[in-house]
Amino acid sequence: MSTQAFTQGVQLNNGVHMPWLGLGVWKSKEGQEVISAVKTALQLGYRSIDTAAIYQNEEGVGQGLRESGVPRDEIFVTTKVWNSDQGYESTLKAFEASRKRLGLETIDLYLVHWAKPATYRETWKALVHLQKEGHVRAIGVSNFQIHHLHHVIEDTGVVPAVNQVEYHPQLAQKELLAFTRENNIQLEAWSPLMQGNLDHPVLTQLAAKHEKSAAQIVLRWDIQNGVVTIPKSVTAHRIRENANIFDFELSAEDMALVDSLNQNKRIGADPDNVPF
């Protein structure tokens, strides 16, 4: 597989290029496990890595980046500020801590991890400051609903470049996807593979039709919906398999079949009902 496939992506609303496909490292253990996953992904051609302060593996991610031998300017790195660090000044400190753990001067994308009611608006202002200072190439949010997005845009006039949310065939978030498209916010999927719960006749049927796995069908559905996707894995064969989605296309009928699986069913927390 050529590296060119991995560099296909979208231009964010501030002109920064973000690959369609990245490696997520949620639950990847700090140390050799995450170092190996990052190195494997980058050596296979991935050019986007997504971590967060709360994952407690930023140091390993940074080490994997350095050991991969891939030039820094070819890699798109995302991390996030955790809820306990939200607020203006505390976010600035949290960013410095993440940057130090990663061993990077500049972060490509920095996200507000959740819309913590008391603090997310001040947190967003801190991210705007970090971008103005040149410490972050793009800023965005995670797990934001439409009303949260309205608030941060009204407060600052700065539209988030990305909204990373739970998104998969059983949670298609059609209203949120439409809003982000209309407002030039890139939707990004976490838990795109429903934590491995892919045993469904529709996915099995499409996998057989295209001679692909059910996971590859879902990831292809993401991309054809214009959604960036970051499947998590620590095994080399799965990391490779997840990337093998650029050599086929789902038809309109195929896409409709996957769409039909939507149940508005969450695996993770409802952003409006998180016990912060």
C-alpha atoms as a PDB file:
ATOM      1  CA  MET A   1       0.000   0.000   0.000  1.00  0.00           C
ATOM      2  CA  SER A   2       1.413   3.371  -0.971  1.00  0.00           C
ATOM      3  CA  THR A   3       1.923   6.154   1.543  1.00  0.00           C
ATOM      4  CA  GLN A   4      -0.116   8.318  -0.815  1.00  0.00           C
ATOM      5  CA  ALA A   5      -3.294   6.535   0.307  1.00  0.00           C
ATOM      6  CA  PHE A   6      -2.623   7.571   3.897  1.00  0.00           C
ATOM      7  CA  THR A   7      -2.047  11.199   3.011  1.00  0.00           C
ATOM      8  CA  GLN A   8      -5.468  11.543   1.388  1.00  0.00           C
ATOM      9  CA  GLY A   9      -7.442  13.868   3.559  1.00  0.00           C
ATOM     10  CA  VAL A  10      -9.442  17.006   4.049  1.00  0.00           C
ATOM     11  CA  GLN A  11      -8.528  20.680   4.234  1.00  0.00           C
ATOM     12  CA  LEU A  12      -9.744  22.027   7.567  1.00  0.00           C
ATOM     13  CA  ASN A  13     -11.450  25.405   7.843  1.00  0.00           C
ATOM     14  CA  ASN A  14      -8.129  27.160   8.501  1.00  0.00           C
ATOM     15  CA  GLY A  15      -6.364  25.514   5.566  1.00  0.00           C
ATOM     16  CA  VAL A  16      -4.512  22.784   7.507  1.00  0.00           C
ATOM     17  CA  HIS A  17      -4.503  19.336   5.876  1.00  0.00           C
ATOM     18  CA  MET A  18      -5.765  16.398   7.987  1.00  0.00           C
ATOM     19  CA  PRO A  19      -5.599  12.758   6.797  1.00  0.00           C
ATOM     20  CA  TRP A  20      -8.857  10.801   6.480  1.00  0.00           C
ATOM     21  CA  LEU A  21      -7.418   7.888   8.423  1.00  0.00           C
ATOM     22  CA  GLY A  22      -5.422   7.855  11.644  1.00  0.00           C
ATOM     23  CA  LEU A  23      -4.415   5.545  14.466  1.00  0.00           C
ATOM     24  CA  GLY A  24      -6.289   5.962  17.737  1.00  0.00           C
ATOM     25  CA  VAL A  25      -4.383   4.983  20.880  1.00  0.00           C
ATOM     26  CA  TRP A  26      -7.156   4.993  23.504  1.00  0.00           C
ATOM     27  CA  LYS A  27      -6.473   2.146  25.969  1.00  0.00           C
ATOM     28  CA  SER A  28      -3.056   1.495  24.398  1.00  0.00           C
ATOM     29  CA  LYS A  29      -0.755   0.959  27.364  1.00  0.00           C
ATOM     30  CA  GLU A  30       2.021   3.445  28.028  1.00  0.00           C
ATOM     31  CA  GLY A  31       5.421   2.026  27.205  1.00  0.00           C
ATOM     32  CA  GLN A  32       6.252  -0.612  24.632  1.00  0.00           C
ATOM     33  CA  GLU A  33       2.658  -1.359  23.604  1.00  0.00           C
ATOM     34  CA  VAL A  34       1.847   2.154  22.423  1.00  0.00           C
ATOM     35  CA  ILE A  35       5.399   2.783  21.132  1.00  0.00           C
ATOM     36  CA  SER A  36       5.130  -0.322  18.933  1.00  0.00           C
ATOM     37  CA  ALA A  37       1.614   0.551  17.728  1.00  0.00           C
ATOM     38  CA  VAL A  38       2.680   4.057  16.687  1.00  0.00           C
ATOM     39  CA  LYS A  39       5.861   2.845  14.996  1.00  0.00           C
ATOM     40  CA  THR A  40       3.999   0.070  13.165  1.00  0.00           C
ATOM     41  CA  ALA A  41       1.317   2.453  11.933  1.00  0.00           C
ATOM     42  CA  LEU A  42       3.802   5.051  10.727  1.00  0.00           C
ATOM     43  CA  GLN A  43       5.989   2.438   9.040  1.00  0.00           C
ATOM     44  CA  LEU A  44       2.907   1.080   7.240  1.00  0.00           C
ATOM     45  CA  GLY A  45       2.175   4.572   5.963  1.00  0.00           C
ATOM     46  CA  TYR A  46      -0.233   6.103   8.485  1.00  0.00           C
ATOM     47  CA  ARG A  47       0.394   9.807   8.951  1.00  0.00           C
ATOM     48  CA  SER A  48      -2.092  10.689  11.720  1.00  0.00           C
ATOM     49  CA  ILE A  49      -1.933   9.695  15.402  1.00  0.00           C
ATOM     50  CA  ASP A  50      -4.645  10.561  17.947  1.00  0.00           C
ATOM     51  CA  THR A  51      -3.982  10.584  21.700  1.00  0.00           C
ATOM     52  CA  ALA A  52      -5.157  12.520  24.772  1.00  0.00           C
ATOM     53  CA  ALA A  53      -3.844  13.518  28.164  1.00  0.00           C
ATOM     54  CA  ILE A  54      -6.281  11.149  29.893  1.00  0.00           C
ATOM     55  CA  TYR A  55      -4.989   8.166  27.880  1.00  0.00           C
ATOM     56  CA  GLN A  56      -1.740   8.491  29.880  1.00  0.00           C
ATOM     57  CA  ASN A  57       0.371   7.409  26.913  1.00  0.00           C
ATOM     58  CA  GLU A  58       1.573  10.687  25.408  1.00  0.00           C
ATOM     59  CA  GLU A  59       5.203   9.925  26.292  1.00  0.00           C
ATOM     60  CA  GLY A  60       5.036   6.589  24.494  1.00  0.00           C
ATOM     61  CA  VAL A  61       3.372   8.201  21.500  1.00  0.00           C
ATOM     62  CA  GLY A  62       6.175  10.751  21.343  1.00  0.00           C
ATOM     63  CA  GLN A  63       8.797   8.038  21.560  1.00  0.00           C
ATOM     64  CA  GLY A  64       7.081   6.063  18.817  1.00  0.00           C
ATOM     65  CA  LEU A  65       7.048   9.156  16.603  1.00  0.00           C
ATOM     66  CA  ARG A  66      10.784   9.676  17.097  1.00  0.00           C
ATOM     67  CA  GLU A  67      11.732   6.004  16.668  1.00  0.00           C
ATOM     68  CA  SER A  68       9.666   5.643  13.484  1.00  0.00           C
ATOM     69  CA  GLY A  69      12.133   7.672  11.459  1.00  0.00           C
ATOM     70  CA  VAL A  70       9.275   9.481   9.705  1.00  0.00           C
ATOM     71  CA  PRO A  71       9.918  13.241   9.423  1.00  0.00           C
ATOM     72  CA  ARG A  72       7.890  15.241  11.933  1.00  0.00           C
ATOM     73  CA  ASP A  73       6.417  17.496   9.255  1.00  0.00           C
ATOM     74  CA  GLU A  74       4.769  14.464   7.616  1.00  0.00           C
ATOM     75  CA  ILE A  75       2.833  13.463  10.757  1.00  0.00           C
ATOM     76  CA  PHE A  76      -0.449  14.896  12.057  1.00  0.00           C
ATOM     77  CA  VAL A  77      -0.613  14.607  15.857  1.00  0.00           C
ATOM     78  CA  THR A  78      -3.772  15.179  17.906  1.00  0.00           C
ATOM     79  CA  THR A  79      -4.094  15.405  21.682  1.00  0.00           C
ATOM     80  CA  LYS A  80      -6.763  16.703  24.054  1.00  0.00           C
ATOM     81  CA  VAL A  81      -7.195  18.637  27.291  1.00  0.00           C
ATOM     82  CA  TRP A  82      -8.926  16.581  30.000  1.00  0.00           C
ATOM     83  CA  ASN A  83     -11.903  17.714  32.061  1.00  0.00           C
ATOM     84  CA  SER A  84      -9.979  18.212  35.319  1.00  0.00           C
ATOM     85  CA  ASP A  85      -7.608  20.613  33.537  1.00  0.00           C
ATOM     86  CA  GLN A  86     -10.280  22.745  31.909  1.00  0.00           C
ATOM     87  CA  GLY A  87     -10.465  26.500  32.436  1.00  0.00           C
ATOM     88  CA  TYR A  88      -8.344  29.190  30.785  1.00  0.00           C
ATOM     89  CA  GLU A  89      -5.073  29.178  32.737  1.00  0.00           C
ATOM     90  CA  SER A  90      -5.211  25.492  33.634  1.00  0.00           C
ATOM     91  CA  THR A  91      -5.692  24.585  29.968  1.00  0.00           C
ATOM     92  CA  LEU A  92      -2.570  26.536  29.025  1.00  0.00           C
ATOM     93  CA  LYS A  93      -0.624  24.590  31.680  1.00  0.00           C
ATOM     94  CA  ALA A  94      -2.130  21.277  30.546  1.00  0.00           C
ATOM     95  CA  PHE A  95      -1.107  22.021  26.981  1.00  0.00           C
ATOM     96  CA  GLU A  96       2.493  22.648  28.031  1.00  0.00           C
ATOM     97  CA  ALA A  97       2.490  19.351  29.934  1.00  0.00           C
ATOM     98  CA  SER A  98       1.143  17.451  26.912  1.00  0.00           C
ATOM     99  CA  ARG A  99       3.635  19.112  24.608  1.00  0.00           C
ATOM    100  CA  LYS A 100       6.488  18.162  26.940  1.00  0.00           C
ATOM    101  CA  ARG A 101       5.328  14.543  27.245  1.00  0.00           C
ATOM    102  CA  LEU A 102       5.012  14.244  23.476  1.00  0.00           C
ATOM    103  CA  GLY A 103       8.357  15.938  22.939  1.00  0.00           C
ATOM    104  CA  LEU A 104       6.890  18.242  20.296  1.00  0.00           C
ATOM    105  CA  GLU A 105       7.183  21.972  19.744  1.00  0.00           C
ATOM    106  CA  THR A 106       3.873  22.196  17.885  1.00  0.00           C
ATOM    107  CA  ILE A 107       0.700  20.113  18.129  1.00  0.00           C
ATOM    108  CA  ASP A 108      -1.220  19.702  14.877  1.00  0.00           C
ATOM    109  CA  LEU A 109      -4.661  19.491  16.488  1.00  0.00           C
ATOM    110  CA  TYR A 110      -5.628  20.242  20.085  1.00  0.00           C
ATOM    111  CA  LEU A 111      -9.130  19.377  21.272  1.00  0.00           C
ATOM    112  CA  VAL A 112     -11.382  20.125  24.242  1.00  0.00           C
ATOM    113  CA  HIS A 113     -12.115  16.529  25.288  1.00  0.00           C
ATOM    114  CA  TRP A 114     -15.647  17.060  26.649  1.00  0.00           C
ATOM    115  CA  ALA A 115     -18.017  20.004  27.001  1.00  0.00           C
ATOM    116  CA  LYS A 116     -17.718  20.319  30.783  1.00  0.00           C
ATOM    117  CA  PRO A 117     -20.537  22.803  31.495  1.00  0.00           C
ATOM    118  CA  ALA A 118     -18.726  25.075  33.943  1.00  0.00           C
ATOM    119  CA  THR A 119     -15.509  25.432  31.979  1.00  0.00           C
ATOM    120  CA  TYR A 120     -15.655  24.458  28.311  1.00  0.00           C
ATOM    121  CA  ARG A 121     -16.235  28.007  27.069  1.00  0.00           C
ATOM    122  CA  GLU A 122     -13.157  29.358  28.895  1.00  0.00           C
ATOM    123  CA  THR A 123     -11.211  26.308  27.784  1.00  0.00           C
ATOM    124  CA  TRP A 124     -12.068  27.103  24.168  1.00  0.00           C
ATOM    125  CA  LYS A 125     -10.752  30.647  24.619  1.00  0.00           C
ATOM    126  CA  ALA A 126      -7.444  29.168  25.789  1.00  0.00           C
ATOM    127  CA  LEU A 127      -7.258  27.034  22.651  1.00  0.00           C
ATOM    128  CA  VAL A 128      -7.900  30.113  20.510  1.00  0.00           C
ATOM    129  CA  HIS A 129      -4.960  31.790  22.289  1.00  0.00           C
ATOM    130  CA  LEU A 130      -2.694  28.772  21.716  1.00  0.00           C
ATOM    131  CA  GLN A 131      -3.474  28.820  18.027  1.00  0.00           C
ATOM    132  CA  LYS A 132      -2.857  32.577  17.744  1.00  0.00           C
ATOM    133  CA  GLU A 133       0.527  32.073  19.419  1.00  0.00           C
ATOM    134  CA  GLY A 134       1.431  29.409  16.853  1.00  0.00           C
ATOM    135  CA  HIS A 135       1.686  26.525  19.323  1.00  0.00           C
ATOM    136  CA  VAL A 136      -1.167  24.618  17.648  1.00  0.00           C
ATOM    137  CA  ARG A 137      -1.866  24.356  13.935  1.00  0.00           C
ATOM    138  CA  ALA A 138      -5.599  23.656  14.343  1.00  0.00           C
ATOM    139  CA  ILE A 139      -8.030  23.599  17.252  1.00  0.00           C
ATOM    140  CA  GLY A 140     -11.240  21.725  17.785  1.00  0.00           C
ATOM    141  CA  VAL A 141     -13.531  19.973  20.195  1.00  0.00           C
ATOM    142  CA  SER A 142     -14.657  16.478  21.094  1.00  0.00           C
ATOM    143  CA  ASN A 143     -18.070  15.200  22.176  1.00  0.00           C
ATOM    144  CA  PHE A 144     -19.738  18.550  21.480  1.00  0.00           C
ATOM    145  CA  GLN A 145     -23.411  18.786  20.618  1.00  0.00           C
ATOM    146  CA  ILE A 146     -24.834  21.495  18.358  1.00  0.00           C
ATOM    147  CA  HIS A 147     -25.648  23.824  21.261  1.00  0.00           C
ATOM    148  CA  HIS A 148     -22.082  23.543  22.612  1.00  0.00           C
ATOM    149  CA  LEU A 149     -20.722  24.461  19.181  1.00  0.00           C
ATOM    150  CA  HIS A 150     -23.015  27.489  19.008  1.00  0.00           C
ATOM    151  CA  HIS A 151     -21.693  28.730  22.360  1.00  0.00           C
ATOM    152  CA  VAL A 152     -17.988  28.601  21.548  1.00  0.00           C
ATOM    153  CA  ILE A 153     -18.515  30.166  18.125  1.00  0.00           C
ATOM    154  CA  GLU A 154     -20.635  32.968  19.611  1.00  0.00           C
ATOM    155  CA  ASP A 155     -18.047  33.596  22.354  1.00  0.00           C
ATOM    156  CA  THR A 156     -14.982  33.875  20.134  1.00  0.00           C
ATOM    157  CA  GLY A 157     -16.014  34.045  16.498  1.00  0.00           C
ATOM    158  CA  VAL A 158     -13.672  31.064  15.968  1.00  0.00           C
ATOM    159  CA  VAL A 159     -15.287  27.988  14.453  1.00  0.00           C
ATOM    160  CA  PRO A 160     -13.761  24.692  15.657  1.00  0.00           C
ATOM    161  CA  ALA A 161     -11.864  22.948  12.873  1.00  0.00           C
ATOM    162  CA  VAL A 162     -12.892  19.488  14.101  1.00  0.00           C
ATOM    163  CA  ASN A 163     -15.545  17.871  16.279  1.00  0.00           C
ATOM    164  CA  GLN A 164     -14.499  14.359  17.306  1.00  0.00           C
ATOM    165  CA  VAL A 165     -17.507  12.332  18.434  1.00  0.00           C
ATOM    166  CA  GLU A 166     -18.758   8.790  18.829  1.00  0.00           C
ATOM    167  CA  TYR A 167     -19.818   7.878  15.313  1.00  0.00           C
ATOM    168  CA  HIS A 168     -20.566   4.474  13.809  1.00  0.00           C
ATOM    169  CA  PRO A 169     -23.375   2.688  11.906  1.00  0.00           C
ATOM    170  CA  GLN A 170     -25.550   2.405  15.030  1.00  0.00           C
ATOM    171  CA  LEU A 171     -25.003   6.084  15.923  1.00  0.00           C
ATOM    172  CA  ALA A 172     -25.013   8.009  12.659  1.00  0.00           C
ATOM    173  CA  GLN A 173     -25.575  11.451  14.293  1.00  0.00           C
ATOM    174  CA  LYS A 174     -27.222  12.764  11.119  1.00  0.00           C
ATOM    175  CA  GLU A 175     -28.342  16.106  12.546  1.00  0.00           C
ATOM    176  CA  LEU A 176     -24.876  16.805  13.975  1.00  0.00           C
ATOM    177  CA  LEU A 177     -23.188  15.703  10.738  1.00  0.00           C
ATOM    178  CA  ALA A 178     -25.420  18.059   8.737  1.00  0.00           C
ATOM    179  CA  PHE A 179     -24.650  20.954  11.100  1.00  0.00           C
ATOM    180  CA  THR A 180     -20.900  20.401  10.918  1.00  0.00           C
ATOM    181  CA  ARG A 181     -21.033  20.253   7.111  1.00  0.00           C
ATOM    182  CA  GLU A 182     -23.009  23.493   6.962  1.00  0.00           C
ATOM    183  CA  ASN A 183     -20.535  25.234   9.275  1.00  0.00           C
ATOM    184  CA  ASN A 184     -17.301  23.844   7.790  1.00  0.00           C
ATOM    185  CA  ILE A 185     -16.453  21.789  10.890  1.00  0.00           C
ATOM    186  CA  GLN A 186     -14.818  18.444  10.168  1.00  0.00           C
ATOM    187  CA  LEU A 187     -16.552  15.540  11.912  1.00  0.00           C
ATOM    188  CA  GLU A 188     -14.214  12.843  13.202  1.00  0.00           C
ATOM    189  CA  ALA A 189     -15.269   9.403  14.454  1.00  0.00           C
ATOM    190  CA  TRP A 190     -14.112   7.832  17.682  1.00  0.00           C
ATOM    191  CA  SER A 191     -15.054   4.209  18.322  1.00  0.00           C
ATOM    192  CA  PRO A 192     -15.843   3.824  14.605  1.00  0.00           C
ATOM    193  CA  LEU A 193     -15.806   0.024  14.885  1.00  0.00           C
ATOM    194  CA  MET A 194     -18.273  -0.116  17.779  1.00  0.00           C
ATOM    195  CA  GLN A 195     -15.572  -1.691  19.963  1.00  0.00           C
ATOM    196  CA  GLY A 196     -15.573  -4.734  17.680  1.00  0.00           C
ATOM    197  CA  ASN A 197     -19.336  -5.355  17.696  1.00  0.00           C
ATOM    198  CA  LEU A 198     -19.470  -5.888  13.928  1.00  0.00           C
ATOM    199  CA  ASP A 199     -21.414  -9.143  13.750  1.00  0.00           C
ATOM    200  CA  HIS A 200     -24.362  -7.951  11.675  1.00  0.00           C
ATOM    201  CA  PRO A 201     -25.841  -9.568   8.533  1.00  0.00           C
ATOM    202  CA  VAL A 202     -25.647  -6.311   6.536  1.00  0.00           C
ATOM    203  CA  LEU A 203     -21.941  -5.876   7.275  1.00  0.00           C
ATOM    204  CA  THR A 204     -21.282  -9.579   6.632  1.00  0.00           C
ATOM    205  CA  GLN A 205     -23.090  -9.340   3.287  1.00  0.00           C
ATOM    206  CA  LEU A 206     -21.185  -6.247   2.177  1.00  0.00           C
ATOM    207  CA  ALA A 207     -17.888  -7.699   3.351  1.00  0.00           C
ATOM    208  CA  ALA A 208     -18.458 -10.773   1.174  1.00  0.00           C
ATOM    209  CA  LYS A 209     -19.527  -8.631  -1.793  1.00  0.00           C
ATOM    210  CA  HIS A 210     -16.385  -6.492  -1.673  1.00  0.00           C
ATOM    211  CA  GLU A 211     -14.018  -9.216  -0.389  1.00  0.00           C
ATOM    212  CA  LYS A 212     -13.252  -7.048   2.626  1.00  0.00           C
ATOM    213  CA  SER A 213     -13.754  -7.343   6.380  1.00  0.00           C
ATOM    214  CA  ALA A 214     -16.758  -5.876   8.191  1.00  0.00           C
ATOM    215  CA  ALA A 215     -14.371  -3.365   9.788  1.00  0.00           C
ATOM    216  CA  GLN A 216     -13.136  -2.226   6.380  1.00  0.00           C
ATOM    217  CA  ILE A 217     -16.734  -1.740   5.220  1.00  0.00           C
ATOM    218  CA  VAL A 218     -17.496   0.490   8.216  1.00  0.00           C
ATOM    219  CA  LEU A 219     -14.315   2.552   7.841  1.00  0.00           C
ATOM    220  CA  ARG A 220     -15.013   3.021   4.135  1.00  0.00           C
ATOM    221  CA  TRP A 221     -18.566   4.155   5.031  1.00  0.00           C
ATOM    222  CA  ASP A 222     -17.035   6.760   7.367  1.00  0.00           C
ATOM    223  CA  ILE A 223     -14.805   8.208   4.686  1.00  0.00           C
ATOM    224  CA  GLN A 224     -17.511   8.255   2.019  1.00  0.00           C
ATOM    225  CA  ASN A 225     -19.670  10.171   4.482  1.00  0.00           C
ATOM    226  CA  GLY A 226     -16.859  12.727   4.749  1.00  0.00           C
ATOM    227  CA  VAL A 227     -15.969  11.679   8.300  1.00  0.00           C
ATOM    228  CA  VAL A 228     -12.341  11.345   9.447  1.00  0.00           C
ATOM    229  CA  THR A 229     -11.793   8.058  11.261  1.00  0.00           C
ATOM    230  CA  ILE A 230      -9.247   6.856  13.863  1.00  0.00           C
ATOM    231  CA  PRO A 231      -9.659   3.127  14.568  1.00  0.00           C
ATOM    232  CA  LYS A 232      -7.694   1.892  17.567  1.00  0.00           C
ATOM    233  CA  SER A 233      -5.500  -1.199  17.471  1.00  0.00           C
ATOM    234  CA  VAL A 234      -2.201  -2.384  18.902  1.00  0.00           C
ATOM    235  CA  THR A 235      -1.738  -5.399  16.610  1.00  0.00           C
ATOM    236  CA  ALA A 236       0.193  -5.051  13.354  1.00  0.00           C
ATOM    237  CA  HIS A 237      -2.166  -7.136  11.209  1.00  0.00           C
ATOM    238  CA  ARG A 238      -5.211  -5.174  12.391  1.00  0.00           C
ATOM    239  CA  ILE A 239      -3.485  -1.825  11.925  1.00  0.00           C
ATOM    240  CA  ARG A 240      -2.667  -2.925   8.372  1.00  0.00           C
ATOM    241  CA  GLU A 241      -6.177  -4.249   7.708  1.00  0.00           C
ATOM    242  CA  ASN A 242      -7.851  -1.067   8.948  1.00  0.00           C
ATOM    243  CA  ALA A 243      -5.846   0.923   6.422  1.00  0.00           C
ATOM    244  CA  ASN A 244      -6.721  -1.211   3.418  1.00  0.00           C
ATOM    245  CA  ILE A 245      -9.802   0.830   2.524  1.00  0.00           C
ATOM    246  CA  PHE A 246      -8.644   3.021  -0.329  1.00  0.00           C
ATOM    247  CA  ASP A 247      -8.908   0.450  -3.134  1.00  0.00           C
ATOM    248  CA  PHE A 248     -12.692   0.001  -3.249  1.00  0.00           C
ATOM    249  CA  GLU A 249     -15.870   2.039  -3.064  1.00  0.00           C
ATOM    250  CA  LEU A 250     -19.311   1.444  -1.606  1.00  0.00           C
ATOM    251  CA  SER A 251     -22.222   2.056  -3.975  1.00  0.00           C
ATOM    252  CA  ALA A 252     -25.139   4.311  -3.051  1.00  0.00           C
ATOM    253  CA  GLU A 253     -27.125   1.141  -2.291  1.00  0.00           C
ATOM    254  CA  ASP A 254     -24.323  -0.173  -0.072  1.00  0.00           C
ATOM    255  CA  MET A 255     -24.182   3.124   1.806  1.00  0.00           C
ATOM    256  CA  ALA A 256     -27.949   3.047   2.335  1.00  0.00           C
ATOM    257  CA  LEU A 257     -27.722  -0.479   3.761  1.00  0.00           C
ATOM    258  CA  VAL A 258     -25.129   0.636   6.319  1.00  0.00           C
ATOM    259  CA  ASP A 259     -27.225   3.742   7.059  1.00  0.00           C
ATOM    260  CA  SER A 260     -30.166   1.453   7.849  1.00  0.00           C
ATOM    261  CA  LEU A 261     -28.287   0.111  10.902  1.00  0.00           C
ATOM    262  CA  ASN A 262     -28.665   3.416  12.759  1.00  0.00           C
ATOM    263  CA  GLN A 263     -30.402   3.085  16.141  1.00  0.00           C
ATOM    264  CA  ASN A 264     -29.053   6.262  17.783  1.00  0.00           C
ATOM    265  CA  LYS A 265     -27.340   3.786  20.120  1.00  0.00           C
ATOM    266  CA  ARG A 266     -24.347   4.976  22.127  1.00  0.00           C
ATOM    267  CA  ILE A 267     -21.489   2.863  23.436  1.00  0.00           C
ATOM    268  CA  GLY A 268     -19.998   5.791  25.340  1.00  0.00           C
ATOM    269  CA  ALA A 269     -21.508   8.582  27.415  1.00  0.00           C
ATOM    270  CA  ASP A 270     -24.178  10.999  26.228  1.00  0.00           C
ATOM    271  CA  PRO A 271     -22.404  14.394  26.084  1.00  0.00           C
ATOM    272  CA  ASP A 272     -25.408  16.096  27.666  1.00  0.00           C
ATOM    273  CA  ASN A 273     -25.556  13.671  30.597  1.00  0.00           C
ATOM    274  CA  VAL A 274     -21.955  13.140  31.652  1.00  0.00           C
ATOM    275  CA  PRO A 275     -21.454  13.128  35.450  1.00  0.00           C
ATOM    276  CA  PHE A 276     -18.629  15.686  35.420  1.00  0.00           C
END
